[in-house]
N, C-alpha and C. Protein backbone atom coordinates (compact mmCIF):
# COMPACT_ATOMS: atom_id res chain seq x y z
N UNK A 1 6.69 25.77 3.18
CA UNK A 1 5.70 24.82 2.68
C UNK A 1 6.03 24.51 1.21
N UNK A 2 5.99 23.25 0.86
CA UNK A 2 6.34 22.85 -0.49
C UNK A 2 5.19 23.15 -1.46
N UNK A 3 5.56 23.21 -2.72
CA UNK A 3 4.57 23.45 -3.77
C UNK A 3 3.64 22.25 -3.90
N UNK A 4 2.38 22.52 -4.18
CA UNK A 4 1.38 21.45 -4.33
C UNK A 4 1.73 20.59 -5.54
N UNK A 5 1.55 19.28 -5.38
CA UNK A 5 1.77 18.40 -6.52
C UNK A 5 0.51 18.38 -7.40
N UNK A 6 0.57 17.63 -8.47
CA UNK A 6 -0.51 17.64 -9.46
C UNK A 6 -1.87 17.22 -8.88
N UNK A 7 -1.90 16.23 -7.97
CA UNK A 7 -3.18 15.82 -7.39
C UNK A 7 -3.73 16.89 -6.45
N UNK A 8 -2.85 17.49 -5.67
CA UNK A 8 -3.29 18.58 -4.80
C UNK A 8 -3.82 19.75 -5.62
N UNK A 9 -3.18 20.04 -6.73
CA UNK A 9 -3.64 21.13 -7.60
C UNK A 9 -5.03 20.82 -8.16
N UNK A 10 -5.22 19.57 -8.62
CA UNK A 10 -6.53 19.19 -9.14
C UNK A 10 -7.59 19.23 -8.04
N UNK A 11 -7.23 18.76 -6.85
CA UNK A 11 -8.17 18.78 -5.73
C UNK A 11 -8.62 20.21 -5.44
N UNK A 12 -7.69 21.14 -5.48
CA UNK A 12 -8.04 22.55 -5.23
C UNK A 12 -8.93 23.11 -6.33
N UNK A 13 -8.66 22.72 -7.56
CA UNK A 13 -9.51 23.17 -8.67
C UNK A 13 -10.93 22.62 -8.53
N UNK A 14 -11.05 21.37 -8.15
CA UNK A 14 -12.38 20.78 -7.96
C UNK A 14 -13.11 21.52 -6.85
N UNK A 15 -12.43 21.75 -5.74
CA UNK A 15 -13.05 22.46 -4.61
C UNK A 15 -13.54 23.85 -5.04
N UNK A 16 -12.74 24.54 -5.86
CA UNK A 16 -13.12 25.89 -6.31
C UNK A 16 -14.37 25.88 -7.19
N UNK A 17 -14.66 24.75 -7.80
CA UNK A 17 -15.85 24.63 -8.66
C UNK A 17 -17.14 24.49 -7.86
N UNK A 18 -17.03 24.32 -6.57
CA UNK A 18 -18.21 24.08 -5.72
C UNK A 18 -18.56 25.32 -4.91
N UNK A 19 -19.85 25.53 -4.69
CA UNK A 19 -20.24 26.59 -3.75
C UNK A 19 -19.66 26.26 -2.37
N UNK A 20 -19.25 27.26 -1.62
CA UNK A 20 -18.60 27.00 -0.33
C UNK A 20 -19.47 26.18 0.61
N UNK A 21 -20.79 26.34 0.54
CA UNK A 21 -21.67 25.59 1.43
C UNK A 21 -21.74 24.11 1.05
N UNK A 22 -21.17 23.73 -0.08
CA UNK A 22 -21.17 22.32 -0.50
C UNK A 22 -19.98 21.55 0.06
N UNK A 23 -19.03 22.27 0.66
CA UNK A 23 -17.84 21.62 1.19
C UNK A 23 -18.02 21.42 2.69
N UNK A 24 -18.00 20.17 3.15
CA UNK A 24 -18.16 19.93 4.58
C UNK A 24 -17.10 20.67 5.39
N UNK A 25 -17.49 21.21 6.53
CA UNK A 25 -16.55 21.96 7.36
C UNK A 25 -16.25 21.25 8.68
N UNK A 26 -16.97 20.20 8.98
CA UNK A 26 -16.79 19.54 10.27
C UNK A 26 -15.75 18.41 10.22
N UNK A 27 -15.17 18.15 9.06
CA UNK A 27 -14.15 17.11 8.90
C UNK A 27 -13.05 17.64 7.99
N UNK A 28 -11.89 17.01 8.05
CA UNK A 28 -10.80 17.32 7.13
C UNK A 28 -11.16 16.80 5.75
N UNK A 29 -11.38 17.69 4.81
CA UNK A 29 -11.82 17.28 3.48
C UNK A 29 -10.68 17.14 2.47
N UNK A 30 -9.46 17.45 2.88
CA UNK A 30 -8.36 17.31 1.92
C UNK A 30 -8.27 15.90 1.36
N UNK A 31 -8.34 14.84 2.20
CA UNK A 31 -8.30 13.49 1.63
C UNK A 31 -9.47 13.20 0.68
N UNK A 32 -10.63 13.76 0.96
CA UNK A 32 -11.78 13.56 0.08
C UNK A 32 -11.51 14.17 -1.29
N UNK A 33 -11.03 15.40 -1.30
CA UNK A 33 -10.79 16.05 -2.58
C UNK A 33 -9.60 15.44 -3.33
N UNK A 34 -8.64 14.88 -2.59
CA UNK A 34 -7.58 14.13 -3.25
C UNK A 34 -8.15 12.89 -3.93
N UNK A 35 -9.11 12.23 -3.27
CA UNK A 35 -9.78 11.08 -3.89
C UNK A 35 -10.54 11.52 -5.15
N UNK A 36 -11.17 12.67 -5.08
CA UNK A 36 -11.86 13.20 -6.27
C UNK A 36 -10.86 13.50 -7.39
N UNK A 37 -9.67 13.98 -7.02
CA UNK A 37 -8.63 14.23 -8.02
C UNK A 37 -8.18 12.92 -8.68
N UNK A 38 -8.09 11.86 -7.89
CA UNK A 38 -7.75 10.53 -8.45
C UNK A 38 -8.85 10.09 -9.42
N UNK A 39 -10.11 10.32 -9.04
CA UNK A 39 -11.22 9.99 -9.94
C UNK A 39 -11.09 10.77 -11.24
N UNK A 40 -10.74 12.04 -11.13
CA UNK A 40 -10.58 12.86 -12.33
C UNK A 40 -9.51 12.26 -13.24
N UNK A 41 -8.37 11.86 -12.66
CA UNK A 41 -7.30 11.29 -13.47
C UNK A 41 -7.71 9.94 -14.06
N UNK A 42 -8.47 9.15 -13.32
CA UNK A 42 -8.84 7.81 -13.78
C UNK A 42 -10.04 7.82 -14.73
N UNK A 43 -10.99 8.70 -14.48
CA UNK A 43 -12.26 8.64 -15.21
C UNK A 43 -12.52 9.88 -16.06
N UNK A 44 -11.88 10.99 -15.74
CA UNK A 44 -12.08 12.22 -16.50
C UNK A 44 -13.54 12.63 -16.52
N UNK A 45 -14.00 13.02 -17.68
CA UNK A 45 -15.39 13.48 -17.81
C UNK A 45 -16.39 12.33 -17.74
N UNK A 46 -15.90 11.12 -17.66
CA UNK A 46 -16.77 9.94 -17.55
C UNK A 46 -17.06 9.57 -16.10
N UNK A 47 -16.58 10.37 -15.14
CA UNK A 47 -16.83 10.08 -13.74
C UNK A 47 -18.34 10.03 -13.49
N UNK A 48 -18.76 9.12 -12.63
CA UNK A 48 -20.19 8.92 -12.38
C UNK A 48 -20.53 9.27 -10.93
N UNK A 49 -21.81 9.45 -10.65
CA UNK A 49 -22.22 9.64 -9.26
C UNK A 49 -21.81 8.45 -8.38
N UNK A 50 -21.84 7.26 -8.92
CA UNK A 50 -21.42 6.09 -8.17
C UNK A 50 -19.95 6.20 -7.77
N UNK A 51 -19.11 6.66 -8.71
CA UNK A 51 -17.69 6.85 -8.42
C UNK A 51 -17.50 7.82 -7.27
N UNK A 52 -18.19 8.94 -7.35
CA UNK A 52 -18.08 9.99 -6.33
C UNK A 52 -18.56 9.45 -4.98
N UNK A 53 -19.67 8.75 -5.01
CA UNK A 53 -20.20 8.20 -3.76
C UNK A 53 -19.21 7.20 -3.15
N UNK A 54 -18.63 6.34 -3.96
CA UNK A 54 -17.67 5.36 -3.44
C UNK A 54 -16.47 6.05 -2.79
N UNK A 55 -15.98 7.12 -3.42
CA UNK A 55 -14.86 7.87 -2.83
C UNK A 55 -15.29 8.50 -1.51
N UNK A 56 -16.50 9.04 -1.48
CA UNK A 56 -17.02 9.65 -0.25
C UNK A 56 -17.15 8.59 0.85
N UNK A 57 -17.65 7.41 0.52
CA UNK A 57 -17.80 6.34 1.51
C UNK A 57 -16.43 6.00 2.10
N UNK A 58 -15.43 5.82 1.26
CA UNK A 58 -14.09 5.48 1.75
C UNK A 58 -13.59 6.56 2.71
N UNK A 59 -13.82 7.82 2.37
CA UNK A 59 -13.41 8.94 3.22
C UNK A 59 -14.21 8.97 4.52
N UNK A 60 -15.53 8.83 4.44
CA UNK A 60 -16.38 8.93 5.62
C UNK A 60 -16.14 7.81 6.62
N UNK A 61 -15.71 6.66 6.15
CA UNK A 61 -15.42 5.54 7.07
C UNK A 61 -14.43 5.95 8.16
N UNK A 62 -13.55 6.88 7.84
CA UNK A 62 -12.56 7.36 8.80
C UNK A 62 -13.21 8.16 9.93
N UNK A 63 -14.27 8.88 9.61
CA UNK A 63 -14.88 9.80 10.56
C UNK A 63 -16.11 9.23 11.24
N UNK A 64 -16.93 8.53 10.48
CA UNK A 64 -18.19 8.04 11.04
C UNK A 64 -18.57 6.72 10.37
N UNK A 65 -18.01 5.61 10.85
CA UNK A 65 -18.28 4.32 10.21
C UNK A 65 -19.72 3.85 10.37
N UNK A 66 -20.52 4.60 11.11
CA UNK A 66 -21.93 4.25 11.29
C UNK A 66 -22.86 5.15 10.46
N UNK A 67 -22.30 6.01 9.64
CA UNK A 67 -23.11 6.96 8.85
C UNK A 67 -24.15 6.19 8.02
N UNK A 68 -25.35 6.70 8.00
CA UNK A 68 -26.45 6.02 7.31
C UNK A 68 -26.29 5.93 5.79
N UNK A 69 -25.43 6.76 5.21
CA UNK A 69 -25.26 6.74 3.75
C UNK A 69 -24.10 5.85 3.30
N UNK A 70 -23.54 5.07 4.21
CA UNK A 70 -22.45 4.16 3.84
C UNK A 70 -23.01 2.87 3.26
N UNK A 71 -23.72 3.03 2.18
CA UNK A 71 -24.36 1.93 1.46
C UNK A 71 -24.03 2.09 -0.02
N UNK A 72 -24.21 1.05 -0.81
CA UNK A 72 -24.00 1.22 -2.26
C UNK A 72 -24.89 2.34 -2.81
N UNK A 73 -24.38 3.02 -3.81
CA UNK A 73 -25.08 4.16 -4.39
C UNK A 73 -26.53 3.82 -4.75
N UNK A 74 -26.73 2.64 -5.33
CA UNK A 74 -28.08 2.28 -5.78
C UNK A 74 -29.06 2.07 -4.62
N UNK A 75 -28.54 1.97 -3.40
CA UNK A 75 -29.40 1.81 -2.23
C UNK A 75 -29.71 3.14 -1.53
N UNK A 76 -29.16 4.22 -2.03
CA UNK A 76 -29.42 5.53 -1.43
C UNK A 76 -30.81 6.03 -1.80
N UNK A 77 -31.47 6.76 -0.91
CA UNK A 77 -32.69 7.46 -1.30
C UNK A 77 -32.34 8.46 -2.41
N UNK A 78 -33.26 8.72 -3.30
CA UNK A 78 -33.00 9.59 -4.45
C UNK A 78 -32.50 10.96 -4.03
N UNK A 79 -33.07 11.55 -2.99
CA UNK A 79 -32.64 12.89 -2.58
C UNK A 79 -31.21 12.88 -2.05
N UNK A 80 -30.79 11.81 -1.44
CA UNK A 80 -29.41 11.69 -0.95
C UNK A 80 -28.47 11.46 -2.13
N UNK A 81 -28.86 10.61 -3.05
CA UNK A 81 -28.03 10.33 -4.23
C UNK A 81 -27.79 11.59 -5.05
N UNK A 82 -28.79 12.45 -5.15
CA UNK A 82 -28.65 13.70 -5.92
C UNK A 82 -27.59 14.63 -5.34
N UNK A 83 -27.26 14.46 -4.07
CA UNK A 83 -26.25 15.32 -3.45
C UNK A 83 -24.87 15.11 -4.08
N UNK A 84 -24.65 13.97 -4.71
CA UNK A 84 -23.37 13.71 -5.37
C UNK A 84 -23.24 14.44 -6.70
N UNK A 85 -24.35 14.88 -7.27
CA UNK A 85 -24.33 15.47 -8.61
C UNK A 85 -23.42 16.68 -8.72
N UNK A 86 -23.43 17.56 -7.73
CA UNK A 86 -22.61 18.77 -7.82
C UNK A 86 -21.12 18.43 -7.82
N UNK A 87 -20.74 17.35 -7.15
CA UNK A 87 -19.34 16.93 -7.14
C UNK A 87 -18.96 16.30 -8.48
N UNK A 88 -19.86 15.52 -9.03
CA UNK A 88 -19.65 14.93 -10.36
C UNK A 88 -19.43 16.05 -11.38
N UNK A 89 -20.31 17.04 -11.36
CA UNK A 89 -20.20 18.14 -12.31
C UNK A 89 -18.91 18.92 -12.12
N UNK A 90 -18.51 19.15 -10.88
CA UNK A 90 -17.26 19.87 -10.61
C UNK A 90 -16.07 19.10 -11.16
N UNK A 91 -16.04 17.79 -10.91
CA UNK A 91 -14.94 16.97 -11.43
C UNK A 91 -14.94 16.99 -12.95
N UNK A 92 -16.10 16.87 -13.55
CA UNK A 92 -16.18 16.89 -15.03
C UNK A 92 -15.73 18.23 -15.60
N UNK A 93 -16.11 19.34 -14.95
CA UNK A 93 -15.69 20.65 -15.45
C UNK A 93 -14.17 20.78 -15.41
N UNK A 94 -13.57 20.38 -14.31
CA UNK A 94 -12.11 20.46 -14.20
C UNK A 94 -11.47 19.51 -15.21
N UNK A 95 -12.01 18.32 -15.36
CA UNK A 95 -11.47 17.36 -16.33
C UNK A 95 -11.53 17.93 -17.75
N UNK A 96 -12.63 18.58 -18.08
CA UNK A 96 -12.75 19.18 -19.42
C UNK A 96 -11.73 20.28 -19.63
N UNK A 97 -11.56 21.11 -18.62
CA UNK A 97 -10.59 22.20 -18.70
C UNK A 97 -9.17 21.64 -18.81
N UNK A 98 -8.87 20.63 -18.02
CA UNK A 98 -7.55 20.02 -18.07
C UNK A 98 -7.28 19.40 -19.44
N UNK A 99 -8.27 18.73 -19.99
CA UNK A 99 -8.11 18.12 -21.31
C UNK A 99 -7.87 19.17 -22.37
N UNK A 100 -8.63 20.26 -22.29
CA UNK A 100 -8.45 21.35 -23.26
C UNK A 100 -7.06 21.98 -23.12
N UNK A 101 -6.58 22.13 -21.91
CA UNK A 101 -5.25 22.70 -21.69
C UNK A 101 -4.15 21.79 -22.23
N UNK A 102 -4.34 20.49 -22.16
CA UNK A 102 -3.34 19.55 -22.65
C UNK A 102 -3.29 19.51 -24.17
N UNK A 103 -4.41 19.88 -24.80
CA UNK A 103 -4.46 19.89 -26.28
C UNK A 103 -3.71 21.08 -26.85
N UNK A 104 -3.45 22.07 -26.04
CA UNK A 104 -2.76 23.28 -26.53
C UNK A 104 -1.29 23.08 -26.67
């Protein structure tokens, strides 16, 4: 097996920042976390819940194109929208750590 590239490494770091019960187990989440790694590279600590939701929507379309949460972030019920917060925070924590490591 080849060594993980930079996006795979970031995806793994983001996943490690989350409680295990926050990671879906009924679908292949590697593409989702790779999308989160792209968000980290593009947005860093400025990533928003909307960004995370959009990445999730793109991923979920593959598995369940009829999912009730496949709507713009602003149309989500508040309790559903809050579910993105833990992913936003995980991405921001890894982005902060990565930025600090690059300054060294």
